[in-house]
C-alpha atoms as a PDB file:
ATOM      1  CA  MET A   1      51.484 -58.644  20.789  1.00  0.00           C
ATOM      2  CA  ARG A   2      48.068 -57.576  19.574  1.00  0.00           C
ATOM      3  CA  ARG A   3      47.641 -55.402  22.663  1.00  0.00           C
ATOM      4  CA  THR A   4      50.946 -53.608  21.997  1.00  0.00           C
ATOM      5  CA  PHE A   5      49.991 -53.015  18.389  1.00  0.00           C
ATOM      6  CA  THR A   6      46.592 -51.634  19.388  1.00  0.00           C
ATOM      7  CA  LEU A   7      48.073 -49.258  21.961  1.00  0.00           C
ATOM      8  CA  HIS A   8      50.646 -48.062  19.423  1.00  0.00           C
ATOM      9  CA  GLY A   9      47.802 -47.328  17.005  1.00  0.00           C
ATOM     10  CA  VAL A  10      45.932 -45.302  19.628  1.00  0.00           C
ATOM     11  CA  TRP A  11      49.072 -43.262  20.447  1.00  0.00           C
ATOM     12  CA  LEU A  12      49.714 -42.629  16.761  1.00  0.00           C
ATOM     13  CA  LEU A  13      46.120 -41.418  16.378  1.00  0.00           C
ATOM     14  CA  ILE A  14      46.528 -39.016  19.308  1.00  0.00           C
ATOM     15  CA  LEU A  15      49.842 -37.749  17.888  1.00  0.00           C
ATOM     16  CA  ALA A  16      48.236 -37.138  14.485  1.00  0.00           C
ATOM     17  CA  VAL A  17      45.435 -35.125  16.084  1.00  0.00           C
ATOM     18  CA  LEU A  18      47.940 -33.005  18.038  1.00  0.00           C
ATOM     19  CA  LEU A  19      50.051 -32.334  14.953  1.00  0.00           C
ATOM     20  CA  GLY A  20      46.931 -31.422  13.001  1.00  0.00           C
ATOM     21  CA  SER A  21      45.828 -28.956  15.680  1.00  0.00           C
ATOM     22  CA  CYS A  22      49.302 -27.326  15.644  1.00  0.00           C
ATOM     23  CA  SER A  23      49.038 -26.896  11.885  1.00  0.00           C
ATOM     24  CA  VAL A  24      45.589 -25.290  12.181  1.00  0.00           C
ATOM     25  CA  SER A  25      46.825 -22.998  14.963  1.00  0.00           C
ATOM     26  CA  ARG A  26      49.724 -21.809  12.795  1.00  0.00           C
ATOM     27  CA  LYS A  27      47.362 -20.986   9.932  1.00  0.00           C
ATOM     28  CA  THR A  28      45.291 -18.695  12.179  1.00  0.00           C
ATOM     29  CA  VAL A  29      48.238 -16.563  13.348  1.00  0.00           C
ATOM     30  CA  TYR A  30      48.863 -13.303  11.503  1.00  0.00           C
ATOM     31  CA  PHE A  31      52.391 -12.616  10.188  1.00  0.00           C
ATOM     32  CA  ASN A  32      53.875 -15.823  11.619  1.00  0.00           C
ATOM     33  CA  ASP A  33      56.991 -15.393   9.474  1.00  0.00           C
ATOM     34  CA  LEU A  34      58.206 -12.382  11.488  1.00  0.00           C
ATOM     35  CA  PRO A  35      61.289 -13.066  13.621  1.00  0.00           C
ATOM     36  CA  ASP A  36      60.671 -13.496  17.330  1.00  0.00           C
ATOM     37  CA  THR A  37      62.503 -10.360  18.487  1.00  0.00           C
ATOM     38  CA  ALA A  38      61.540  -7.435  20.695  1.00  0.00           C
ATOM     39  CA  ARG A  39      61.722  -4.951  17.806  1.00  0.00           C
ATOM     40  CA  PHE A  40      61.680  -5.488  14.074  1.00  0.00           C
ATOM     41  CA  GLU A  41      61.246  -3.130  11.111  1.00  0.00           C
ATOM     42  CA  TRP A  42      59.550  -3.998   7.838  1.00  0.00           C
ATOM     43  CA  THR A  43      59.407  -1.766   4.771  1.00  0.00           C
ATOM     44  CA  ALA A  44      55.762  -1.008   4.038  1.00  0.00           C
ATOM     45  CA  ALA A  45      54.165  -0.102   0.731  1.00  0.00           C
ATOM     46  CA  LYS A  46      54.068   3.572  -0.204  1.00  0.00           C
ATOM     47  CA  PHE A  47      50.698   5.252   0.177  1.00  0.00           C
ATOM     48  CA  THR A  48      49.338   6.808  -3.010  1.00  0.00           C
ATOM     49  CA  GLU A  49      46.574   9.387  -2.654  1.00  0.00           C
ATOM     50  CA  PRO A  50      43.336   8.281  -4.317  1.00  0.00           C
ATOM     51  CA  VAL A  51      41.900  10.422  -7.078  1.00  0.00           C
ATOM     52  CA  ILE A  52      38.379  11.793  -7.264  1.00  0.00           C
ATOM     53  CA  GLN A  53      36.007   9.883  -9.544  1.00  0.00           C
ATOM     54  CA  ASN A  54      32.580  10.523 -11.037  1.00  0.00           C
ATOM     55  CA  ASP A  55      29.725  10.035  -8.519  1.00  0.00           C
ATOM     56  CA  ASP A  56      31.999  10.712  -5.545  1.00  0.00           C
ATOM     57  CA  ILE A  57      30.618  12.987  -2.842  1.00  0.00           C
ATOM     58  CA  LEU A  58      33.001  15.646  -1.544  1.00  0.00           C
ATOM     59  CA  MET A  59      32.929  17.634   1.683  1.00  0.00           C
ATOM     60  CA  ILE A  60      34.095  21.106   0.632  1.00  0.00           C
ATOM     61  CA  ASN A  61      34.489  23.767   3.295  1.00  0.00           C
ATOM     62  CA  ILE A  62      35.585  27.313   2.521  1.00  0.00           C
ATOM     63  CA  GLN A  63      36.601  29.692   5.301  1.00  0.00           C
ATOM     64  CA  THR A  64      37.236  33.406   4.830  1.00  0.00           C
ATOM     65  CA  VAL A  65      37.580  36.550   6.946  1.00  0.00           C
ATOM     66  CA  ASP A  66      33.878  37.111   6.224  1.00  0.00           C
ATOM     67  CA  PRO A  67      32.071  33.982   7.555  1.00  0.00           C
ATOM     68  CA  GLU A  68      28.645  35.217   6.440  1.00  0.00           C
ATOM     69  CA  GLY A  69      29.855  35.802   2.912  1.00  0.00           C
ATOM     70  CA  ALA A  70      31.414  32.337   2.677  1.00  0.00           C
ATOM     71  CA  SER A  71      28.268  30.592   3.949  1.00  0.00           C
ATOM     72  CA  ALA A  72      26.706  30.880   0.492  1.00  0.00           C
ATOM     73  CA  VAL A  73      29.444  28.854  -1.228  1.00  0.00           C
ATOM     74  CA  ASN A  74      29.417  26.179   1.496  1.00  0.00           C
ATOM     75  CA  GLN A  75      25.832  25.153   0.797  1.00  0.00           C
ATOM     76  CA  GLY A  76      26.129  21.645  -0.541  1.00  0.00           C
ATOM     77  CA  THR A  77      23.350  19.155  -1.197  1.00  0.00           C
ATOM     78  CA  SER A  78      21.942  16.975   1.581  1.00  0.00           C
ATOM     79  CA  MET A  79      22.364  13.303   0.662  1.00  0.00           C
ATOM     80  CA  GLN A  80      21.717   9.935   2.247  1.00  0.00           C
ATOM     81  CA  LEU A  81      24.615   7.498   2.644  1.00  0.00           C
ATOM     82  CA  ILE A  82      23.821   3.854   3.358  1.00  0.00           C
ATOM     83  CA  GLY A  83      26.509   1.732   4.951  1.00  0.00           C
ATOM     84  CA  ALA A  84      28.100   0.650   8.189  1.00  0.00           C
ATOM     85  CA  SER A  85      30.015   3.699   9.364  1.00  0.00           C
ATOM     86  CA  SER A  86      30.752   2.477  12.876  1.00  0.00           C
ATOM     87  CA  GLY A  87      31.265  -1.193  12.075  1.00  0.00           C
ATOM     88  CA  SER A  88      28.439  -2.254  14.369  1.00  0.00           C
ATOM     89  CA  SER A  89      25.429  -2.397  12.086  1.00  0.00           C
ATOM     90  CA  MET A  90      24.020  -1.156   8.828  1.00  0.00           C
ATOM     91  CA  SER A  91      23.005   2.482   9.144  1.00  0.00           C
ATOM     92  CA  SER A  92      21.841   5.432   7.095  1.00  0.00           C
ATOM     93  CA  GLN A  93      23.814   8.667   7.354  1.00  0.00           C
ATOM     94  CA  GLN A  94      22.738  12.147   6.374  1.00  0.00           C
ATOM     95  CA  THR A  95      25.574  14.191   4.904  1.00  0.00           C
ATOM     96  CA  THR A  96      25.913  17.493   3.116  1.00  0.00           C
ATOM     97  CA  GLY A  97      28.309  17.433   0.219  1.00  0.00           C
ATOM     98  CA  PHE A  98      29.003  18.179  -3.418  1.00  0.00           C
ATOM     99  CA  LEU A  99      28.340  15.439  -5.965  1.00  0.00           C
ATOM    100  CA  VAL A 100      30.871  14.908  -8.752  1.00  0.00           C
ATOM    101  CA  ASP A 101      28.727  14.597 -11.875  1.00  0.00           C
ATOM    102  CA  ARG A 102      29.248  12.340 -14.900  1.00  0.00           C
ATOM    103  CA  ASN A 103      31.509  14.968 -16.459  1.00  0.00           C
ATOM    104  CA  GLY A 104      33.759  15.069 -13.389  1.00  0.00           C
ATOM    105  CA  MET A 105      32.521  18.497 -12.282  1.00  0.00           C
ATOM    106  CA  VAL A 106      31.279  19.875  -8.966  1.00  0.00           C
ATOM    107  CA  THR A 107      28.953  22.856  -8.911  1.00  0.00           C
ATOM    108  CA  ILE A 108      29.696  25.375  -6.154  1.00  0.00           C
ATOM    109  CA  PRO A 109      27.389  28.377  -5.627  1.00  0.00           C
ATOM    110  CA  MET A 110      28.856  31.585  -7.079  1.00  0.00           C
ATOM    111  CA  MET A 111      31.851  29.600  -8.408  1.00  0.00           C
ATOM    112  CA  GLY A 112      29.976  27.559 -11.005  1.00  0.00           C
ATOM    113  CA  GLU A 113      31.327  24.242 -12.315  1.00  0.00           C
ATOM    114  CA  ILE A 114      34.838  23.147 -11.366  1.00  0.00           C
ATOM    115  CA  LYS A 115      36.608  20.112 -12.823  1.00  0.00           C
ATOM    116  CA  VAL A 116      37.851  17.822 -10.007  1.00  0.00           C
ATOM    117  CA  ALA A 117      37.716  14.269 -11.412  1.00  0.00           C
ATOM    118  CA  GLY A 118      41.181  12.769 -11.743  1.00  0.00           C
ATOM    119  CA  LEU A 119      42.585  15.026  -9.010  1.00  0.00           C
ATOM    120  CA  THR A 120      43.560  14.139  -5.450  1.00  0.00           C
ATOM    121  CA  THR A 121      41.743  15.981  -2.675  1.00  0.00           C
ATOM    122  CA  HIS A 122      44.879  18.087  -2.159  1.00  0.00           C
ATOM    123  CA  GLN A 123      44.973  19.058  -5.834  1.00  0.00           C
ATOM    124  CA  ALA A 124      41.231  19.793  -5.829  1.00  0.00           C
ATOM    125  CA  LYS A 125      41.734  22.050  -2.809  1.00  0.00           C
ATOM    126  CA  GLU A 126      44.316  24.099  -4.721  1.00  0.00           C
ATOM    127  CA  VAL A 127      42.076  24.423  -7.798  1.00  0.00           C
ATOM    128  CA  ILE A 128      39.040  25.497  -5.750  1.00  0.00           C
ATOM    129  CA  ALA A 129      41.111  27.924  -3.661  1.00  0.00           C
ATOM    130  CA  GLU A 130      42.307  29.603  -6.868  1.00  0.00           C
ATOM    131  CA  LYS A 131      38.699  30.056  -8.049  1.00  0.00           C
ATOM    132  CA  VAL A 132      37.481  31.304  -4.659  1.00  0.00           C
ATOM    133  CA  SER A 133      40.332  33.813  -4.296  1.00  0.00           C
ATOM    134  CA  VAL A 134      38.740  35.859  -7.084  1.00  0.00           C
ATOM    135  CA  TYR A 135      35.817  36.632  -4.736  1.00  0.00           C
ATOM    136  CA  TYR A 136      37.352  36.304  -1.273  1.00  0.00           C
ATOM    137  CA  LYS A 137      40.634  37.358   0.260  1.00  0.00           C
ATOM    138  CA  GLU A 138      42.963  34.591   1.510  1.00  0.00           C
ATOM    139  CA  PRO A 139      40.369  31.773   1.561  1.00  0.00           C
ATOM    140  CA  ILE A 140      41.092  28.521   3.408  1.00  0.00           C
ATOM    141  CA  VAL A 141      39.708  25.486   1.562  1.00  0.00           C
ATOM    142  CA  GLN A 142      39.280  21.944   2.853  1.00  0.00           C
ATOM    143  CA  VAL A 143      38.301  19.029   0.621  1.00  0.00           C
ATOM    144  CA  ARG A 144      37.591  15.494   1.855  1.00  0.00           C
ATOM    145  CA  PHE A 145      35.709  12.446   0.656  1.00  0.00           C
ATOM    146  CA  ALA A 146      32.255  12.101   2.220  1.00  0.00           C
ATOM    147  CA  ASN A 147      31.553   8.642   0.793  1.00  0.00           C
ATOM    148  CA  TYR A 148      34.911   6.858   0.740  1.00  0.00           C
ATOM    149  CA  LYS A 149      33.659   3.291   0.898  1.00  0.00           C
ATOM    150  CA  PHE A 150      34.713  -0.332   0.598  1.00  0.00           C
ATOM    151  CA  THR A 151      32.963  -3.671   1.058  1.00  0.00           C
ATOM    152  CA  VAL A 152      34.004  -6.682   3.149  1.00  0.00           C
ATOM    153  CA  LEU A 153      32.289  -9.989   2.369  1.00  0.00           C
ATOM    154  CA  GLY A 154      32.603 -13.646   3.300  1.00  0.00           C
ATOM    155  CA  GLU A 155      33.897 -15.179   6.502  1.00  0.00           C
ATOM    156  CA  VAL A 156      34.089 -12.102   8.738  1.00  0.00           C
ATOM    157  CA  SER A 157      32.105 -11.164  11.817  1.00  0.00           C
ATOM    158  CA  ARG A 158      30.301  -8.172  10.266  1.00  0.00           C
ATOM    159  CA  PRO A 159      30.200  -8.259   6.431  1.00  0.00           C
ATOM    160  CA  ALA A 160      29.000  -4.904   5.102  1.00  0.00           C
ATOM    161  CA  THR A 161      29.798  -1.856   3.008  1.00  0.00           C
ATOM    162  CA  TYR A 162      31.732   0.625   5.156  1.00  0.00           C
ATOM    163  CA  THR A 163      31.768   4.373   4.609  1.00  0.00           C
ATOM    164  CA  VAL A 164      34.635   6.355   6.140  1.00  0.00           C
ATOM    165  CA  GLN A 165      35.943   9.910   5.957  1.00  0.00           C
ATOM    166  CA  ASN A 166      39.570   8.827   5.867  1.00  0.00           C
ATOM    167  CA  GLU A 167      41.138   8.007   2.529  1.00  0.00           C
ATOM    168  CA  LYS A 168      44.187   6.303   4.057  1.00  0.00           C
ATOM    169  CA  VAL A 169      42.685   2.898   4.860  1.00  0.00           C
ATOM    170  CA  THR A 170      44.557  -0.415   4.799  1.00  0.00           C
ATOM    171  CA  ILE A 171      43.238  -3.918   4.283  1.00  0.00           C
ATOM    172  CA  LEU A 172      43.858  -4.548   7.999  1.00  0.00           C
ATOM    173  CA  ASP A 173      41.770  -1.487   8.886  1.00  0.00           C
ATOM    174  CA  ALA A 174      38.939  -2.847   6.758  1.00  0.00           C
ATOM    175  CA  LEU A 175      39.064  -6.311   8.329  1.00  0.00           C
ATOM    176  CA  GLY A 176      39.189  -4.709  11.779  1.00  0.00           C
ATOM    177  CA  MET A 177      36.032  -2.706  11.055  1.00  0.00           C
ATOM    178  CA  ALA A 178      34.382  -5.918   9.886  1.00  0.00           C
ATOM    179  CA  GLY A 179      35.108  -7.548  13.251  1.00  0.00           C
ATOM    180  CA  ASP A 180      38.126  -9.603  12.097  1.00  0.00           C
ATOM    181  CA  LEU A 181      38.112 -13.162  10.753  1.00  0.00           C
ATOM    182  CA  PRO A 182      36.657 -15.924  12.913  1.00  0.00           C
ATOM    183  CA  ILE A 183      38.594 -19.156  13.345  1.00  0.00           C
ATOM    184  CA  TYR A 184      37.044 -20.528  10.142  1.00  0.00           C
ATOM    185  CA  GLY A 185      38.224 -17.634   7.941  1.00  0.00           C
ATOM    186  CA  LYS A 186      40.842 -18.568   5.357  1.00  0.00           C
ATOM    187  CA  ARG A 187      43.688 -16.186   6.159  1.00  0.00           C
ATOM    188  CA  ASP A 188      46.149 -17.335   3.505  1.00  0.00           C
ATOM    189  CA  ASN A 189      43.960 -16.523   0.494  1.00  0.00           C
ATOM    190  CA  VAL A 190      42.064 -13.247   1.083  1.00  0.00           C
ATOM    191  CA  LEU A 191      40.795 -11.784  -2.198  1.00  0.00           C
ATOM    192  CA  LEU A 192      40.802  -8.073  -3.108  1.00  0.00           C
ATOM    193  CA  ILE A 193      38.669  -6.964  -6.085  1.00  0.00           C
ATOM    194  CA  ARG A 194      39.354  -3.516  -7.544  1.00  0.00           C
ATOM    195  CA  ASP A 195      37.910  -1.550 -10.467  1.00  0.00           C
ATOM    196  CA  HIS A 196      40.640  -0.112 -12.655  1.00  0.00           C
ATOM    197  CA  ASP A 197      39.835   1.760 -15.876  1.00  0.00           C
ATOM    198  CA  GLY A 198      36.783  -0.389 -16.605  1.00  0.00           C
ATOM    199  CA  THR A 199      38.443  -3.705 -15.763  1.00  0.00           C
ATOM    200  CA  LYS A 200      38.472  -5.834 -12.626  1.00  0.00           C
ATOM    201  CA  GLU A 201      41.719  -6.561 -10.795  1.00  0.00           C
ATOM    202  CA  PHE A 202      41.944  -9.616  -8.541  1.00  0.00           C
ATOM    203  CA  VAL A 203      44.693  -9.722  -5.919  1.00  0.00           C
ATOM    204  CA  ARG A 204      45.355 -12.405  -3.289  1.00  0.00           C
ATOM    205  CA  PHE A 205      46.693 -11.678   0.202  1.00  0.00           C
ATOM    206  CA  ASP A 206      48.285 -14.075   2.673  1.00  0.00           C
ATOM    207  CA  LEU A 207      47.619 -12.667   6.157  1.00  0.00           C
ATOM    208  CA  ASN A 208      49.946 -15.295   7.632  1.00  0.00           C
ATOM    209  CA  SER A 209      52.891 -13.546   5.960  1.00  0.00           C
ATOM    210  CA  ALA A 210      54.283 -10.085   6.677  1.00  0.00           C
ATOM    211  CA  THR A 211      55.067  -9.655   2.962  1.00  0.00           C
ATOM    212  CA  MET A 212      51.531  -8.280   2.586  1.00  0.00           C
ATOM    213  CA  PHE A 213      52.836  -4.966   3.973  1.00  0.00           C
ATOM    214  CA  GLU A 214      54.926  -4.592   0.801  1.00  0.00           C
ATOM    215  CA  SER A 215      51.978  -5.025  -1.562  1.00  0.00           C
ATOM    216  CA  PRO A 216      50.941  -1.946  -3.590  1.00  0.00           C
ATOM    217  CA  TYR A 217      47.365  -3.058  -2.835  1.00  0.00           C
ATOM    218  CA  TYR A 218      47.868  -2.861   0.937  1.00  0.00           C
ATOM    219  CA  TYR A 219      46.138   0.545   0.959  1.00  0.00           C
ATOM    220  CA  LEU A 220      42.554   0.397  -0.254  1.00  0.00           C
ATOM    221  CA  LYS A 221      40.998   2.442  -3.031  1.00  0.00           C
ATOM    222  CA  GLN A 222      37.462   3.733  -3.379  1.00  0.00           C
ATOM    223  CA  ASN A 223      34.905   0.901  -3.944  1.00  0.00           C
ATOM    224  CA  ASP A 224      37.354  -1.952  -3.239  1.00  0.00           C
ATOM    225  CA  VAL A 225      35.800  -5.299  -2.304  1.00  0.00           C
ATOM    226  CA  ILE A 226      37.450  -7.746   0.111  1.00  0.00           C
ATOM    227  CA  TYR A 227      36.302 -11.362   0.164  1.00  0.00           C
ATOM    228  CA  VAL A 228      37.356 -13.874   2.829  1.00  0.00           C
ATOM    229  CA  GLU A 229      36.882 -17.521   1.919  1.00  0.00           C
ATOM    230  CA  PRO A 230      35.529 -19.978   4.494  1.00  0.00           C
ATOM    231  CA  GLY A 231      38.024 -22.671   5.465  1.00  0.00           C
ATOM    232  CA  LYS A 232      37.394 -26.403   5.570  1.00  0.00           C
ATOM    233  CA  GLY A 233      36.433 -26.104   9.225  1.00  0.00           C
ATOM    234  CA  ARG A 234      33.324 -24.116   8.267  1.00  0.00           C
ATOM    235  CA  ALA A 235      32.050 -26.933   6.065  1.00  0.00           C
ATOM    236  CA  ALA A 236      32.781 -29.393   8.842  1.00  0.00           C
ATOM    237  CA  SER A 237      30.884 -27.291  11.386  1.00  0.00           C
ATOM    238  CA  ALA A 238      27.918 -27.108   9.030  1.00  0.00           C
ATOM    239  CA  GLU A 239      27.746 -30.894   9.243  1.00  0.00           C
ATOM    240  CA  SER A 240      28.496 -31.005  12.967  1.00  0.00           C
ATOM    241  CA  PRO A 241      25.556 -33.285  13.887  1.00  0.00           C
ATOM    242  CA  ARG A 242      26.867 -35.933  11.489  1.00  0.00           C
ATOM    243  CA  TRP A 243      30.431 -35.537  12.731  1.00  0.00           C
ATOM    244  CA  GLN A 244      29.282 -35.734  16.345  1.00  0.00           C
ATOM    245  CA  PHE A 245      27.622 -39.040  15.523  1.00  0.00           C
ATOM    246  CA  TYR A 246      30.797 -40.333  13.836  1.00  0.00           C
ATOM    247  CA  SER A 247      32.862 -39.094  16.786  1.00  0.00           C
ATOM    248  CA  MET A 248      30.673 -41.011  19.215  1.00  0.00           C
ATOM    249  CA  ILE A 249      31.087 -44.190  17.161  1.00  0.00           C
ATOM    250  CA  ALA A 250      34.874 -43.681  16.962  1.00  0.00           C
ATOM    251  CA  SER A 251      35.074 -43.143  20.721  1.00  0.00           C
ATOM    252  CA  PHE A 252      33.014 -46.278  21.372  1.00  0.00           C
ATOM    253  CA  VAL A 253      35.216 -48.334  19.042  1.00  0.00           C
ATOM    254  CA  SER A 254      38.391 -46.979  20.724  1.00  0.00           C
ATOM    255  CA  VAL A 255      37.100 -47.872  24.186  1.00  0.00           C
ATOM    256  CA  ALA A 256      36.052 -51.312  22.961  1.00  0.00           C
ATOM    257  CA  ILE A 257      39.498 -51.971  21.462  1.00  0.00           C
ATOM    258  CA  LEU A 258      41.210 -50.951  24.690  1.00  0.00           C
ATOM    259  CA  ALA A 259      38.860 -53.125  26.756  1.00  0.00           C
ATOM    260  CA  ILE A 260      39.398 -56.156  24.528  1.00  0.00           C
ATOM    261  CA  SER A 261      43.184 -55.688  24.553  1.00  0.00           C
ATOM    262  CA  ARG A 262      43.240 -55.739  28.349  1.00  0.00           C
ATOM    263  CA  PHE A 263      41.730 -59.240  28.424  1.00  0.00           C
ATOM    264  CA  GLN A 264      44.073 -60.756  25.851  1.00  0.00           C
END
């Protein structure tokens, strides 16, 4: 009788471990609430163009029928950008751009000061093109962010501040650049911190659910910060020597119980 009870206890322990591992596995799968079909559509959040802010650096390029004449207005200031542009390591980039000053203005040679803060890059392009057309015939103007950046911290493979030249960046893009979450990353409670009119906004994402695609915060803004919490497994791994010792004792006790039950 005691032998049967002991064996039942061992099997229950094994079953509990298996169920626990299934639960952990489910928590590490992205979008596990999507139906298991060959093709499925999900309505994503609408992308809103970011607006230019003070201290942004803009890449402004003006092309005209007279390339030599336009070269004067394309002379921006050489600046150093520090960040991880490739996602591999921290690096320092040299870029030539136009700094948006504290009054929201950029200074372009021959054009003078132009107000761009509060505008999208498309709107800024139209404003600059109107100014340039006074001096040049049919100018072509391009405006892009030179320092569009965000920061990824916490339980990711490569935490860093990332600088990109693409303003349409999603939270998944950012996590991909940071090397994704390791097994210990807490996927159901990723925190996004955003500056908004002098206040801080805090938004939680559940990467296990496809509903994140509907969030208005799915697309990042300039200077967003993403923080990934470590899961309970990280704390356990930090104390792995102690747990290895306990595991050895538990294994010894299990073997001893089985050996004793065989002789009863």
